[in-house]
Amino acid sequence: MDRRIKYLDRLLAAYASGDFDKRLKLSDRLDDTDAVFSAFHMLAEELKAVTISRDYFNVIFDAVGEMIFVLSEKGLIEDLNAAACDRLGYVKKGLIGRMVDVLAGETRPSLWSLLRSRRGVGGKVGIWDRSLLTAGGMLVPVEMTARPLPFRGTKGNKSVLLMAKDIGPRLAEENRMLRAVIEAQEVERMRLARDLHDGLGQQLTAACFLVGVAIKESVLVPIQEKLQATLELLLDVSTFTQGVRNNLVSKTLADFGLVPATLELGQRMERAGVLRVRVEEPRGLPAMDPTLETDIFRVIQEFMGNAIKHGQATLMQIRFRSVGTDMEIRLKENGKGFELARVQGAGNGLRNMYSRIRSHEGVFLLHSVPGKGTEAMIRVAIKP
């Protein structure tokens, strides 16, 4: 046997340790042993190229500021970058091998199901308005995209690269702007209500008084009858104006809170004969910030108005309940319902409801089926 073969052990040991630059000297004969050496040298070049590519990928993978996850074809987490560990508070080895759904908590549909169902051209997926769960149980709002990853993972080209961008700061800024708009609306409501009370309301009261005096002083029955009709019309206008003012600014809401104001609103609807309202009045609800109470009350008003105007509902149910540190309000009406996809984002009413709850970092969900009414769920955190 060629004594040069013994040098192969040293060559292979060098390659195993990552030293792909080591070479064996070829003889002048260029025989079979030299051919074996040459083959190993070529293998070293390929291994070096692969290693450089892998290390280059790993450097970029961990340097990127966005959260990145490598998933298997079954949705198992195969790898994640430093940004994902830092932002979500996980140790990498604690997530490797677990389903990606662990990052989304108990939300439905599951994150992996959403990824599989929304694959587009080239396998790319875009997901909006989702949240990832931190190791401490907090939710981080993110925008996510996913695409096939052909050169990484245990499943080769069946692996998936999932990228998540933290949009918390952007949402905070958007919520700040929403709050400014909503608060301006409330200021304008208060101004208009004050004008109705101090201006039109007092003028109507004075007109009613003068017409009443004229009725008493008149001796002609036909004139008295016309004046009485005028007085009744003025009283109707005054009552209507009072209703408009109450809708603009609820004194009950300011003095007694959300649930009593909702009960009063329901009673007004029932007295007008337009809608029966059933309010489940719980005990021990936590106190809420007046701004939050006002926004929830406006959403209930809007939902109730839509139930009457568009849904032609005859019954509405409202349920308040405390869920841990959150307040949950469920609204349900028995109207004709609608296809949500056709009206989503089409009207100011829906946008206002979403915006008011979103400005408090809350959740507003709407569900409707044609012929089966409409339901809404509001969930917001009660901050001390």
Protein backbone atom coordinates (compact mmCIF):
# COMPACT_ATOMS: atom_id res chain seq x y z
CA MET A 1 0.00 0.00 0.00
CA ASP A 2 1.22 3.50 -0.82
CA ARG A 3 2.78 4.95 2.34
CA ARG A 4 1.24 8.34 1.46
CA ILE A 5 -2.22 7.01 2.43
CA LYS A 6 -1.34 7.42 6.09
CA TYR A 7 -1.39 11.19 5.58
CA LEU A 8 -5.12 10.99 4.79
CA ASP A 9 -5.86 10.59 8.52
CA ARG A 10 -4.26 13.98 9.21
CA LEU A 11 -6.12 15.53 6.29
CA LEU A 12 -9.51 14.23 7.44
CA ALA A 13 -8.81 15.31 11.03
CA ALA A 14 -8.06 18.83 9.78
CA TYR A 15 -11.28 18.94 7.77
CA ALA A 16 -13.29 17.64 10.73
CA SER A 17 -11.95 20.53 12.84
CA GLY A 18 -12.93 23.07 10.18
CA ASP A 19 -9.48 23.62 8.66
CA PHE A 20 -10.41 23.31 4.99
CA ASP A 21 -7.22 24.98 3.75
CA LYS A 22 -4.95 21.98 4.53
CA ARG A 23 -3.62 20.16 1.44
CA LEU A 24 -1.46 17.09 0.69
CA LYS A 25 1.36 17.40 -1.81
CA LEU A 26 0.78 15.57 -5.06
CA SER A 27 3.55 13.45 -6.62
CA ASP A 28 4.88 13.84 -10.15
CA ARG A 29 3.34 10.49 -11.10
CA LEU A 30 -0.28 11.70 -10.77
CA ASP A 31 -1.34 8.14 -9.95
CA ASP A 32 -4.46 6.81 -8.21
CA THR A 33 -3.30 8.05 -4.81
CA ASP A 34 -2.85 11.53 -6.24
CA ALA A 35 -6.35 11.27 -7.69
CA VAL A 36 -7.69 10.44 -4.20
CA PHE A 37 -5.81 13.44 -2.76
CA SER A 38 -7.24 15.68 -5.47
CA ALA A 39 -10.77 14.44 -4.75
CA PHE A 40 -10.36 15.29 -1.06
CA HIS A 41 -9.00 18.73 -1.95
CA MET A 42 -12.09 19.40 -4.09
CA LEU A 43 -14.30 18.22 -1.23
CA ALA A 44 -12.52 20.69 1.07
CA GLU A 45 -13.26 23.54 -1.34
CA GLU A 46 -16.96 22.64 -1.38
CA LEU A 47 -17.11 22.28 2.39
CA LYS A 48 -15.40 25.63 2.79
CA ALA A 49 -17.89 27.30 0.45
CA VAL A 50 -20.85 25.74 2.27
CA THR A 51 -19.47 26.74 5.66
CA ILE A 52 -18.88 30.31 4.55
CA SER A 53 -22.47 30.49 3.19
CA ARG A 54 -23.85 29.02 6.40
CA ASP A 55 -21.86 31.37 8.62
CA TYR A 56 -22.80 34.32 6.41
CA PHE A 57 -26.48 33.36 6.72
CA ASN A 58 -26.17 32.97 10.50
CA VAL A 59 -24.55 36.38 10.89
CA ILE A 60 -27.34 38.05 8.89
CA PHE A 61 -29.97 35.89 10.61
CA ASP A 62 -28.95 37.14 14.05
CA ALA A 63 -28.16 40.71 12.97
CA VAL A 64 -31.60 41.45 11.51
CA GLY A 65 -33.73 43.59 13.81
CA GLU A 66 -37.01 41.89 12.93
CA MET A 67 -38.07 38.64 14.56
CA ILE A 68 -37.34 35.63 12.32
CA PHE A 69 -38.37 31.99 12.76
CA VAL A 70 -37.51 28.93 10.65
CA LEU A 71 -40.38 26.43 10.59
CA SER A 72 -40.56 22.85 9.41
CA GLU A 73 -43.20 21.60 6.99
CA LYS A 74 -45.31 20.64 10.01
CA GLY A 75 -45.08 24.02 11.71
CA LEU A 76 -42.37 23.11 14.22
CA ILE A 77 -39.89 25.82 15.16
CA GLU A 78 -36.45 24.80 13.89
CA ASP A 79 -34.62 28.04 14.59
CA LEU A 80 -35.14 31.66 15.64
CA ASN A 81 -32.90 34.68 15.62
CA ALA A 82 -31.58 36.81 18.46
CA ALA A 83 -34.19 39.53 17.88
CA ALA A 84 -37.02 37.02 18.44
CA CYS A 85 -35.44 35.77 21.66
CA ASP A 86 -34.82 39.28 22.95
CA ARG A 87 -38.24 40.74 22.06
CA LEU A 88 -40.32 37.78 23.26
CA GLY A 89 -38.13 36.78 26.19
CA TYR A 90 -37.67 33.12 25.23
CA VAL A 91 -34.54 30.98 25.43
CA LYS A 92 -33.90 29.55 21.96
CA LYS A 93 -33.64 25.92 23.07
CA GLY A 94 -36.97 26.27 24.89
CA LEU A 95 -38.79 26.87 21.58
CA ILE A 96 -36.89 24.58 19.21
CA GLY A 97 -39.11 21.64 18.28
CA ARG A 98 -42.36 23.22 19.49
CA MET A 99 -45.32 24.19 17.31
CA VAL A 100 -45.31 27.81 16.14
CA ASP A 101 -48.84 28.11 17.58
CA VAL A 102 -47.25 28.40 21.03
CA LEU A 103 -46.30 31.95 20.01
CA ALA A 104 -49.91 32.95 19.37
CA GLY A 105 -51.56 31.55 22.52
CA GLU A 106 -55.14 30.34 22.13
CA THR A 107 -56.15 32.56 19.20
CA ARG A 108 -58.25 31.04 16.44
CA PRO A 109 -57.63 30.24 13.70
CA SER A 110 -54.23 28.95 14.77
CA LEU A 111 -51.17 30.69 13.37
CA TRP A 112 -50.00 27.61 11.49
CA SER A 113 -53.45 27.05 9.97
CA LEU A 114 -53.44 30.67 8.82
CA LEU A 115 -50.00 30.27 7.24
CA ARG A 116 -51.10 27.20 5.29
CA SER A 117 -54.43 28.62 4.17
CA ARG A 118 -53.10 31.97 2.91
CA ARG A 119 -50.22 30.85 0.72
CA GLY A 120 -50.07 32.97 -2.38
CA VAL A 121 -47.85 33.18 -5.45
CA GLY A 122 -44.50 31.54 -4.73
CA GLY A 123 -45.73 30.40 -1.34
CA LYS A 124 -45.53 33.91 0.15
CA VAL A 125 -47.98 34.72 2.93
CA GLY A 126 -48.86 38.08 4.43
CA ILE A 127 -50.67 38.27 7.77
CA TRP A 128 -51.83 41.47 9.43
CA ASP A 129 -53.00 42.44 12.92
CA ARG A 130 -51.80 39.37 14.77
CA SER A 131 -50.06 39.22 18.13
CA LEU A 132 -47.24 37.07 19.46
CA LEU A 133 -47.14 35.91 23.07
CA THR A 134 -44.07 36.74 25.14
CA ALA A 135 -42.62 34.35 27.72
CA GLY A 136 -44.16 36.64 30.36
CA GLY A 137 -47.67 36.33 28.89
CA MET A 138 -47.81 39.76 27.21
CA LEU A 139 -49.06 40.23 23.64
CA VAL A 140 -46.87 41.97 21.05
CA PRO A 141 -48.78 43.27 17.98
CA VAL A 142 -46.96 42.32 14.79
CA GLU A 143 -47.14 42.25 11.02
CA MET A 144 -46.02 38.90 9.65
CA THR A 145 -44.87 37.53 6.32
CA ALA A 146 -43.79 34.01 5.46
CA ARG A 147 -42.08 32.44 2.48
CA PRO A 148 -40.51 29.09 1.54
CA LEU A 149 -36.88 28.67 2.62
CA PRO A 150 -35.12 26.32 0.16
CA PHE A 151 -31.68 26.15 1.74
CA ARG A 152 -32.25 25.88 5.45
CA GLY A 153 -33.95 23.54 7.92
CA THR A 154 -34.27 19.82 8.37
CA LYS A 155 -36.87 19.55 5.64
CA GLY A 156 -34.93 21.28 2.90
CA ASN A 157 -37.11 23.24 0.54
CA LYS A 158 -40.20 22.51 2.65
CA SER A 159 -39.01 24.80 5.45
CA VAL A 160 -40.70 28.17 5.99
CA LEU A 161 -39.15 31.50 6.94
CA LEU A 162 -41.55 33.49 9.15
CA MET A 163 -40.74 37.17 9.73
CA ALA A 164 -42.55 39.29 12.32
CA LYS A 165 -42.26 43.05 12.71
CA ASP A 166 -43.19 44.64 16.04
CA ILE A 167 -45.77 47.33 15.22
CA GLY A 168 -46.44 48.31 18.83
CA PRO A 169 -44.75 51.75 18.53
CA ARG A 170 -46.61 52.48 15.30
CA LEU A 171 -49.96 51.48 16.81
CA ALA A 172 -49.22 53.62 19.86
CA GLU A 173 -48.72 56.63 17.61
CA GLU A 174 -51.85 55.82 15.61
CA ASN A 175 -53.82 55.44 18.86
CA ARG A 176 -52.50 58.81 20.05
CA MET A 177 -53.82 60.40 16.86
CA LEU A 178 -57.14 58.54 17.18
CA ARG A 179 -57.52 59.79 20.75
CA ALA A 180 -56.94 63.35 19.60
CA VAL A 181 -59.67 63.03 16.94
CA ILE A 182 -62.12 61.30 19.29
CA GLU A 183 -61.56 63.84 22.07
CA ALA A 184 -62.12 66.66 19.59
CA GLN A 185 -65.41 65.02 18.63
CA GLU A 186 -66.46 64.82 22.28
CA VAL A 187 -65.60 68.49 22.84
CA GLU A 188 -67.73 69.39 19.81
CA ARG A 189 -70.59 67.23 21.12
CA MET A 190 -70.46 69.05 24.46
CA ARG A 191 -70.42 72.45 22.73
CA LEU A 192 -73.41 71.53 20.58
CA ALA A 193 -75.33 70.12 23.57
CA ARG A 194 -74.62 73.30 25.54
CA ASP A 195 -75.82 75.44 22.62
CA LEU A 196 -79.01 73.39 22.38
CA HIS A 197 -79.66 73.81 26.08
CA ASP A 198 -78.67 77.43 26.53
CA GLY A 199 -79.84 78.69 23.15
CA LEU A 200 -82.57 76.73 21.41
CA GLY A 201 -83.83 75.05 24.59
CA GLN A 202 -84.38 78.31 26.44
CA GLN A 203 -85.96 79.95 23.39
CA LEU A 204 -88.41 77.05 23.06
CA THR A 205 -89.24 77.31 26.76
CA ALA A 206 -89.91 81.03 26.38
CA ALA A 207 -92.05 80.45 23.27
CA CYS A 208 -94.11 77.80 25.08
CA PHE A 209 -94.66 80.22 27.99
CA LEU A 210 -95.79 83.05 25.70
CA VAL A 211 -98.15 80.81 23.73
CA GLY A 212 -99.59 79.50 27.01
CA VAL A 213 -100.25 83.07 28.17
CA ALA A 214 -101.87 83.90 24.81
CA ILE A 215 -104.21 80.92 25.15
CA LYS A 216 -105.40 82.15 28.58
CA GLU A 217 -105.89 85.73 27.40
CA SER A 218 -107.64 84.85 24.15
CA VAL A 219 -111.45 84.96 24.17
CA LEU A 220 -111.94 83.49 20.72
CA VAL A 221 -112.24 79.71 20.69
CA PRO A 222 -110.82 79.24 17.14
CA ILE A 223 -107.75 81.27 18.15
CA GLN A 224 -107.37 79.27 21.35
CA GLU A 225 -107.48 76.01 19.37
CA LYS A 226 -104.78 77.21 16.96
CA LEU A 227 -102.62 78.44 19.82
CA GLN A 228 -103.07 75.11 21.63
CA ALA A 229 -101.93 73.22 18.51
CA THR A 230 -98.95 75.55 18.27
CA LEU A 231 -98.10 74.92 21.93
CA GLU A 232 -98.26 71.14 21.47
CA LEU A 233 -95.98 71.40 18.41
CA LEU A 234 -93.49 73.52 20.37
CA LEU A 235 -93.55 71.00 23.23
CA ASP A 236 -92.83 68.17 20.75
CA VAL A 237 -89.89 70.13 19.33
CA SER A 238 -88.62 70.81 22.85
CA THR A 239 -88.86 67.13 23.75
CA PHE A 240 -87.06 66.17 20.52
CA THR A 241 -84.35 68.74 21.22
CA GLN A 242 -83.93 67.37 24.72
CA GLY A 243 -83.51 63.87 23.26
CA VAL A 244 -80.88 65.09 20.82
CA ARG A 245 -79.03 66.81 23.67
CA ASN A 246 -79.14 63.64 25.78
CA ASN A 247 -77.71 61.64 22.87
CA LEU A 248 -74.92 64.15 22.46
CA VAL A 249 -73.95 64.25 26.14
CA SER A 250 -75.36 61.83 28.71
CA LYS A 251 -75.61 63.42 32.16
CA THR A 252 -76.27 59.99 33.62
CA LEU A 253 -73.01 58.72 32.13
CA ALA A 254 -71.08 61.58 33.70
CA ASP A 255 -72.80 61.30 37.11
CA PHE A 256 -73.38 57.56 37.55
CA GLY A 257 -71.29 55.66 34.99
CA LEU A 258 -71.62 53.34 32.01
CA VAL A 259 -74.16 50.75 33.15
CA PRO A 260 -76.78 53.23 34.45
CA ALA A 261 -76.36 55.32 31.29
CA THR A 262 -76.88 52.19 29.17
CA LEU A 263 -80.01 51.29 31.16
CA GLU A 264 -81.36 54.80 30.61
CA LEU A 265 -80.61 54.59 26.88
CA GLY A 266 -82.48 51.28 26.66
CA GLN A 267 -85.46 52.70 28.55
CA ARG A 268 -85.67 55.64 26.13
CA MET A 269 -85.72 53.21 23.19
CA GLU A 270 -88.49 51.17 24.81
CA ARG A 271 -90.58 54.25 25.65
CA ALA A 272 -90.28 55.34 22.02
CA GLY A 273 -91.51 51.87 20.99
CA VAL A 274 -88.62 51.25 18.59
CA LEU A 275 -86.62 48.54 20.39
CA ARG A 276 -86.81 46.32 23.45
CA VAL A 277 -83.51 46.39 25.33
CA ARG A 278 -82.39 43.86 27.94
CA VAL A 279 -79.32 44.81 30.00
CA GLU A 280 -77.60 42.21 32.17
CA GLU A 281 -76.52 44.34 35.11
CA PRO A 282 -73.68 42.61 36.98
CA ARG A 283 -72.40 43.32 40.45
CA GLY A 284 -68.95 44.43 41.39
CA LEU A 285 -67.78 45.78 38.07
CA PRO A 286 -64.49 47.65 38.43
CA ALA A 287 -64.43 51.42 38.04
CA MET A 288 -63.38 52.66 34.61
CA ASP A 289 -61.72 55.76 33.29
CA PRO A 290 -64.43 58.27 32.21
CA THR A 291 -62.90 58.54 28.73
CA LEU A 292 -63.12 54.76 28.29
CA GLU A 293 -66.72 54.74 29.57
CA THR A 294 -67.64 57.46 27.09
CA ASP A 295 -66.15 55.58 24.15
CA ILE A 296 -67.86 52.30 25.08
CA PHE A 297 -71.16 54.17 25.50
CA ARG A 298 -70.74 55.71 22.02
CA VAL A 299 -70.13 52.24 20.56
CA ILE A 300 -73.29 50.92 22.25
CA GLN A 301 -75.23 53.89 20.88
CA GLU A 302 -73.89 53.28 17.37
CA PHE A 303 -74.63 49.54 17.53
CA MET A 304 -78.14 50.24 18.80
CA GLY A 305 -78.76 52.82 16.07
CA ASN A 306 -77.61 50.38 13.39
CA ALA A 307 -79.82 47.64 14.87
CA ILE A 308 -82.86 49.93 14.48
CA LYS A 309 -82.01 51.64 11.19
CA HIS A 310 -80.37 48.85 9.18
CA GLY A 311 -81.11 45.61 11.05
CA GLN A 312 -84.79 46.34 11.73
CA ALA A 313 -84.27 44.59 15.06
CA THR A 314 -86.96 44.36 17.75
CA LEU A 315 -84.78 43.10 20.62
CA MET A 316 -81.25 43.90 21.78
CA GLN A 317 -79.34 42.25 24.61
CA ILE A 318 -76.38 43.85 26.39
CA ARG A 319 -74.18 41.96 28.83
CA PHE A 320 -71.40 43.43 30.96
CA ARG A 321 -68.90 41.23 32.76
CA SER A 322 -65.47 41.37 34.32
CA VAL A 323 -62.84 38.94 33.02
CA GLY A 324 -59.72 39.18 35.16
CA THR A 325 -58.35 42.66 34.61
CA ASP A 326 -60.48 43.14 31.48
CA MET A 327 -64.00 44.42 30.90
CA GLU A 328 -66.08 42.51 28.33
CA ILE A 329 -69.30 43.82 26.80
CA ARG A 330 -71.38 41.65 24.46
CA LEU A 331 -74.07 43.16 22.25
CA LYS A 332 -76.62 41.06 20.39
CA GLU A 333 -79.65 42.02 18.29
CA ASN A 334 -82.23 39.93 16.43
CA GLY A 335 -82.30 41.94 13.19
CA LYS A 336 -81.92 40.76 9.63
CA GLY A 337 -78.13 40.60 9.72
CA PHE A 338 -75.76 41.15 6.80
CA GLU A 339 -72.66 39.86 5.03
CA LEU A 340 -69.78 41.38 6.94
CA ALA A 341 -67.36 41.23 4.00
CA ARG A 342 -69.57 43.55 1.94
CA VAL A 343 -69.70 46.37 4.46
CA GLN A 344 -66.36 46.06 6.27
CA GLY A 345 -64.77 49.46 6.16
CA ALA A 346 -67.58 50.86 4.00
CA GLY A 347 -69.31 53.03 6.60
CA ASN A 348 -68.21 55.65 9.11
CA GLY A 349 -70.24 53.93 11.83
CA LEU A 350 -68.24 50.71 11.75
CA ARG A 351 -64.94 52.56 11.49
CA ASN A 352 -65.86 54.75 14.46
CA MET A 353 -66.69 51.72 16.60
CA TYR A 354 -63.42 49.99 15.73
CA SER A 355 -61.43 53.20 16.19
CA ARG A 356 -62.86 54.07 19.61
CA ILE A 357 -62.04 50.66 21.08
CA ARG A 358 -58.70 50.37 19.31
CA SER A 359 -57.63 53.73 20.73
CA HIS A 360 -57.71 52.06 24.16
CA GLU A 361 -55.72 49.06 22.86
CA GLY A 362 -58.89 47.01 23.11
CA VAL A 363 -60.59 44.45 20.89
CA PHE A 364 -63.81 44.97 18.93
CA LEU A 365 -65.18 41.92 17.10
CA LEU A 366 -68.28 41.96 14.91
CA HIS A 367 -70.19 38.90 13.70
CA SER A 368 -73.30 38.83 11.54
CA VAL A 369 -75.18 36.24 9.49
CA PRO A 370 -77.97 37.23 7.06
CA GLY A 371 -81.29 36.42 8.69
CA LYS A 372 -79.73 35.70 12.10
CA GLY A 373 -78.92 39.09 13.55
CA THR A 374 -75.66 40.72 14.56
CA GLU A 375 -73.35 40.35 17.56
CA ALA A 376 -70.42 42.41 18.81
CA MET A 377 -67.84 41.83 21.51
CA ILE A 378 -65.84 44.60 23.18
CA ARG A 379 -62.89 43.75 25.40
CA VAL A 380 -60.65 46.32 27.05
CA ALA A 381 -58.16 46.29 29.89
CA ILE A 382 -59.19 48.18 33.03
CA LYS A 383 -56.22 50.28 33.98
CA PRO A 384 -55.89 51.40 37.61
